[in-house]
């Protein structure tokens, strides 16, 4: 799976699960989910579960940070690092 496929997969998940009424929102790959109030703590857990199931990786509790899960690009980079 290449970077664009990962980005598209994450974006589609977010659109389907967090932006149901605002599908036309222009969400940049570097937009902070927390800063724009897109995802709360429960949403982060849902997102982590998606990443684990979709990419067959285990996310440790100490890896659930803004540095890893606060934007599309941060999640993409985290997935790529975990798969190596």
N, C-alpha and C. Protein backbone atom coordinates (compact mmCIF):
# COMPACT_ATOMS: atom_id res chain seq x y z
N UNK A 1 0.86 -1.18 0.00
CA UNK A 1 0.00 0.00 0.00
C UNK A 1 0.90 1.24 0.00
N UNK A 2 0.67 2.14 -0.95
CA UNK A 2 1.51 3.33 -1.00
C UNK A 2 0.91 4.47 -0.17
N UNK A 3 1.66 5.56 -0.06
CA UNK A 3 1.26 6.69 0.79
C UNK A 3 -0.10 7.26 0.40
N UNK A 4 -0.35 7.39 -0.89
CA UNK A 4 -1.64 7.96 -1.33
C UNK A 4 -2.81 7.05 -0.96
N UNK A 5 -2.61 5.76 -1.04
CA UNK A 5 -3.67 4.83 -0.64
C UNK A 5 -3.95 4.93 0.85
N UNK A 6 -2.90 5.06 1.64
CA UNK A 6 -3.08 5.22 3.08
C UNK A 6 -3.82 6.52 3.37
N UNK A 7 -3.41 7.61 2.75
CA UNK A 7 -4.07 8.91 2.94
C UNK A 7 -5.53 8.83 2.57
N UNK A 8 -5.82 8.24 1.42
CA UNK A 8 -7.22 8.13 0.98
C UNK A 8 -8.05 7.27 1.92
N UNK A 9 -7.47 6.21 2.42
CA UNK A 9 -8.17 5.33 3.35
C UNK A 9 -8.50 6.07 4.65
N UNK A 10 -7.53 6.78 5.20
CA UNK A 10 -7.76 7.55 6.43
C UNK A 10 -8.79 8.64 6.19
N UNK A 11 -8.64 9.39 5.08
CA UNK A 11 -9.58 10.47 4.76
C UNK A 11 -11.01 9.93 4.62
N UNK A 12 -11.17 8.82 3.93
CA UNK A 12 -12.50 8.24 3.76
C UNK A 12 -13.10 7.81 5.08
N UNK A 13 -12.27 7.23 5.96
CA UNK A 13 -12.75 6.84 7.27
C UNK A 13 -13.24 8.05 8.05
N UNK A 14 -12.46 9.11 8.03
CA UNK A 14 -12.84 10.33 8.75
C UNK A 14 -14.11 10.94 8.17
N UNK A 15 -14.19 11.01 6.86
CA UNK A 15 -15.40 11.56 6.23
C UNK A 15 -16.63 10.74 6.60
N UNK A 16 -16.49 9.44 6.58
CA UNK A 16 -17.64 8.56 6.84
C UNK A 16 -18.04 8.52 8.31
N UNK A 17 -17.07 8.71 9.22
CA UNK A 17 -17.35 8.50 10.63
C UNK A 17 -17.37 9.76 11.49
N UNK A 18 -16.79 10.84 11.01
CA UNK A 18 -16.73 12.05 11.82
C UNK A 18 -17.31 13.28 11.12
N UNK A 19 -17.43 13.24 9.82
CA UNK A 19 -17.94 14.40 9.08
C UNK A 19 -19.21 14.05 8.32
N UNK A 20 -20.09 13.28 8.93
CA UNK A 20 -21.28 12.81 8.22
C UNK A 20 -22.13 13.95 7.67
N UNK A 21 -22.18 15.08 8.36
CA UNK A 21 -22.99 16.21 7.89
C UNK A 21 -22.17 17.25 7.14
N UNK A 22 -20.86 17.10 7.14
CA UNK A 22 -19.99 18.09 6.51
C UNK A 22 -19.02 17.42 5.55
N UNK A 23 -19.50 16.55 4.70
CA UNK A 23 -18.64 15.79 3.80
C UNK A 23 -17.86 16.68 2.84
N UNK A 24 -18.34 17.89 2.62
CA UNK A 24 -17.67 18.80 1.69
C UNK A 24 -16.60 19.64 2.39
N UNK A 25 -16.38 19.41 3.69
CA UNK A 25 -15.37 20.16 4.42
C UNK A 25 -14.01 19.94 3.78
N UNK A 26 -13.28 21.00 3.62
CA UNK A 26 -11.95 20.93 3.03
C UNK A 26 -10.94 20.60 4.13
N UNK A 27 -10.67 19.34 4.32
CA UNK A 27 -9.77 18.87 5.37
C UNK A 27 -8.40 18.63 4.76
N UNK A 28 -7.43 19.48 5.15
CA UNK A 28 -6.06 19.31 4.65
C UNK A 28 -5.38 18.16 5.39
N UNK A 29 -4.40 17.57 4.76
CA UNK A 29 -3.71 16.42 5.35
C UNK A 29 -2.96 16.77 6.63
N UNK A 30 -2.65 18.05 6.84
CA UNK A 30 -1.93 18.46 8.04
C UNK A 30 -2.82 19.14 9.07
N UNK A 31 -4.13 19.24 8.81
CA UNK A 31 -5.03 19.85 9.79
C UNK A 31 -5.06 19.03 11.06
N UNK A 32 -4.93 19.70 12.21
CA UNK A 32 -4.99 19.04 13.50
C UNK A 32 -6.43 18.71 13.84
N UNK A 33 -6.72 17.42 14.04
CA UNK A 33 -8.08 17.00 14.39
C UNK A 33 -8.55 17.65 15.68
N UNK A 34 -7.65 17.76 16.65
CA UNK A 34 -8.03 18.33 17.94
C UNK A 34 -8.21 19.84 17.85
N UNK A 35 -7.33 20.52 17.13
CA UNK A 35 -7.42 21.98 17.01
C UNK A 35 -8.69 22.45 16.30
N UNK A 36 -9.17 21.65 15.35
CA UNK A 36 -10.40 22.05 14.64
C UNK A 36 -11.64 21.37 15.22
N UNK A 37 -11.45 20.74 16.39
CA UNK A 37 -12.55 20.08 17.10
C UNK A 37 -13.26 19.02 16.26
N UNK A 38 -12.50 18.30 15.49
CA UNK A 38 -13.07 17.26 14.63
C UNK A 38 -13.26 15.95 15.40
N UNK A 39 -12.30 15.62 16.24
CA UNK A 39 -12.32 14.34 16.94
C UNK A 39 -12.06 14.58 18.42
N UNK A 40 -12.87 13.94 19.26
CA UNK A 40 -12.66 14.01 20.71
C UNK A 40 -11.95 12.73 21.16
N UNK A 41 -11.83 12.54 22.46
CA UNK A 41 -11.09 11.39 22.97
C UNK A 41 -11.72 10.06 22.56
N UNK A 42 -13.03 10.00 22.52
CA UNK A 42 -13.70 8.78 22.06
C UNK A 42 -13.40 8.54 20.59
N UNK A 43 -13.39 9.59 19.81
CA UNK A 43 -13.08 9.49 18.39
C UNK A 43 -11.66 8.99 18.15
N UNK A 44 -10.73 9.42 19.00
CA UNK A 44 -9.35 8.94 18.87
C UNK A 44 -9.30 7.43 19.05
N UNK A 45 -10.04 6.92 20.02
CA UNK A 45 -10.07 5.46 20.24
C UNK A 45 -10.65 4.76 19.02
N UNK A 46 -11.71 5.31 18.44
CA UNK A 46 -12.29 4.72 17.23
C UNK A 46 -11.27 4.74 16.09
N UNK A 47 -10.54 5.83 15.97
CA UNK A 47 -9.54 5.96 14.92
C UNK A 47 -8.40 4.96 15.12
N UNK A 48 -7.96 4.79 16.35
CA UNK A 48 -6.91 3.82 16.67
C UNK A 48 -7.38 2.41 16.31
N UNK A 49 -8.61 2.09 16.64
CA UNK A 49 -9.17 0.77 16.31
C UNK A 49 -9.19 0.56 14.80
N UNK A 50 -9.60 1.58 14.06
CA UNK A 50 -9.59 1.51 12.60
C UNK A 50 -8.18 1.22 12.08
N UNK A 51 -7.20 1.96 12.57
CA UNK A 51 -5.81 1.79 12.12
C UNK A 51 -5.33 0.38 12.43
N UNK A 52 -5.61 -0.12 13.61
CA UNK A 52 -5.18 -1.48 13.97
C UNK A 52 -5.81 -2.53 13.06
N UNK A 53 -7.10 -2.39 12.82
CA UNK A 53 -7.80 -3.39 12.00
C UNK A 53 -7.44 -3.27 10.52
N UNK A 54 -7.38 -2.07 10.02
CA UNK A 54 -7.12 -1.84 8.59
C UNK A 54 -5.69 -2.22 8.20
N UNK A 55 -4.74 -1.92 9.08
CA UNK A 55 -3.33 -2.08 8.72
C UNK A 55 -2.64 -3.21 9.49
N UNK A 56 -3.40 -3.95 10.27
CA UNK A 56 -2.88 -5.13 10.97
C UNK A 56 -1.65 -4.79 11.81
N UNK A 57 -1.79 -3.73 12.59
CA UNK A 57 -0.72 -3.33 13.50
C UNK A 57 -1.31 -3.20 14.90
N UNK A 58 -0.45 -3.26 15.89
CA UNK A 58 -0.87 -3.05 17.27
C UNK A 58 -0.38 -1.68 17.71
N UNK A 59 -1.31 -0.87 18.20
CA UNK A 59 -0.98 0.46 18.70
C UNK A 59 -0.87 0.37 20.21
N UNK A 60 0.31 0.67 20.72
CA UNK A 60 0.52 0.66 22.17
C UNK A 60 -0.08 1.93 22.78
N UNK A 61 -0.48 1.84 24.04
CA UNK A 61 -1.08 2.99 24.71
C UNK A 61 -0.19 4.23 24.64
N UNK A 62 1.10 4.05 24.82
CA UNK A 62 2.01 5.20 24.82
C UNK A 62 2.24 5.78 23.41
N UNK A 63 1.70 5.12 22.39
CA UNK A 63 1.80 5.62 21.02
C UNK A 63 0.57 6.45 20.62
N UNK A 64 -0.43 6.47 21.47
CA UNK A 64 -1.64 7.24 21.17
C UNK A 64 -1.39 8.68 21.62
N UNK A 65 -0.73 9.42 20.74
CA UNK A 65 -0.34 10.80 21.03
C UNK A 65 -0.72 11.71 19.87
N UNK A 66 -0.67 13.00 20.14
CA UNK A 66 -0.91 13.97 19.06
C UNK A 66 0.11 13.80 17.95
N UNK A 67 1.32 13.44 18.30
CA UNK A 67 2.37 13.28 17.30
C UNK A 67 2.05 12.16 16.31
N UNK A 68 1.25 11.18 16.73
CA UNK A 68 0.93 10.04 15.87
C UNK A 68 -0.48 10.06 15.29
N UNK A 69 -1.43 10.72 15.97
CA UNK A 69 -2.84 10.57 15.58
C UNK A 69 -3.61 11.88 15.45
N UNK A 70 -2.93 13.00 15.22
CA UNK A 70 -3.63 14.28 15.20
C UNK A 70 -3.84 14.86 13.81
N UNK A 71 -3.47 14.16 12.77
CA UNK A 71 -3.75 14.61 11.41
C UNK A 71 -3.64 13.41 10.47
N UNK A 72 -4.11 13.60 9.29
CA UNK A 72 -4.02 12.52 8.29
C UNK A 72 -2.56 12.17 8.04
N UNK A 73 -1.72 13.18 7.83
CA UNK A 73 -0.30 12.90 7.56
C UNK A 73 0.40 12.25 8.74
N UNK A 74 0.07 12.65 9.96
CA UNK A 74 0.70 12.04 11.13
C UNK A 74 0.33 10.57 11.24
N UNK A 75 -0.91 10.25 10.96
CA UNK A 75 -1.34 8.85 11.01
C UNK A 75 -0.66 8.06 9.89
N UNK A 76 -0.60 8.64 8.71
CA UNK A 76 0.08 7.98 7.58
C UNK A 76 1.52 7.68 7.93
N UNK A 77 2.23 8.66 8.48
CA UNK A 77 3.63 8.46 8.85
C UNK A 77 3.77 7.40 9.93
N UNK A 78 2.87 7.40 10.89
CA UNK A 78 2.89 6.40 11.96
C UNK A 78 2.71 5.00 11.36
N UNK A 79 1.75 4.84 10.48
CA UNK A 79 1.49 3.53 9.85
C UNK A 79 2.71 3.06 9.09
N UNK A 80 3.29 3.94 8.29
CA UNK A 80 4.48 3.57 7.50
C UNK A 80 5.62 3.14 8.43
N UNK A 81 5.84 3.90 9.51
CA UNK A 81 6.90 3.54 10.46
C UNK A 81 6.64 2.19 11.11
N UNK A 82 5.39 1.92 11.49
CA UNK A 82 5.04 0.66 12.15
C UNK A 82 5.18 -0.54 11.20
N UNK A 83 4.93 -0.33 9.93
CA UNK A 83 4.97 -1.43 8.96
C UNK A 83 6.40 -1.78 8.55
N UNK A 84 7.36 -0.94 8.89
CA UNK A 84 8.75 -1.20 8.49
C UNK A 84 9.44 -2.13 9.46
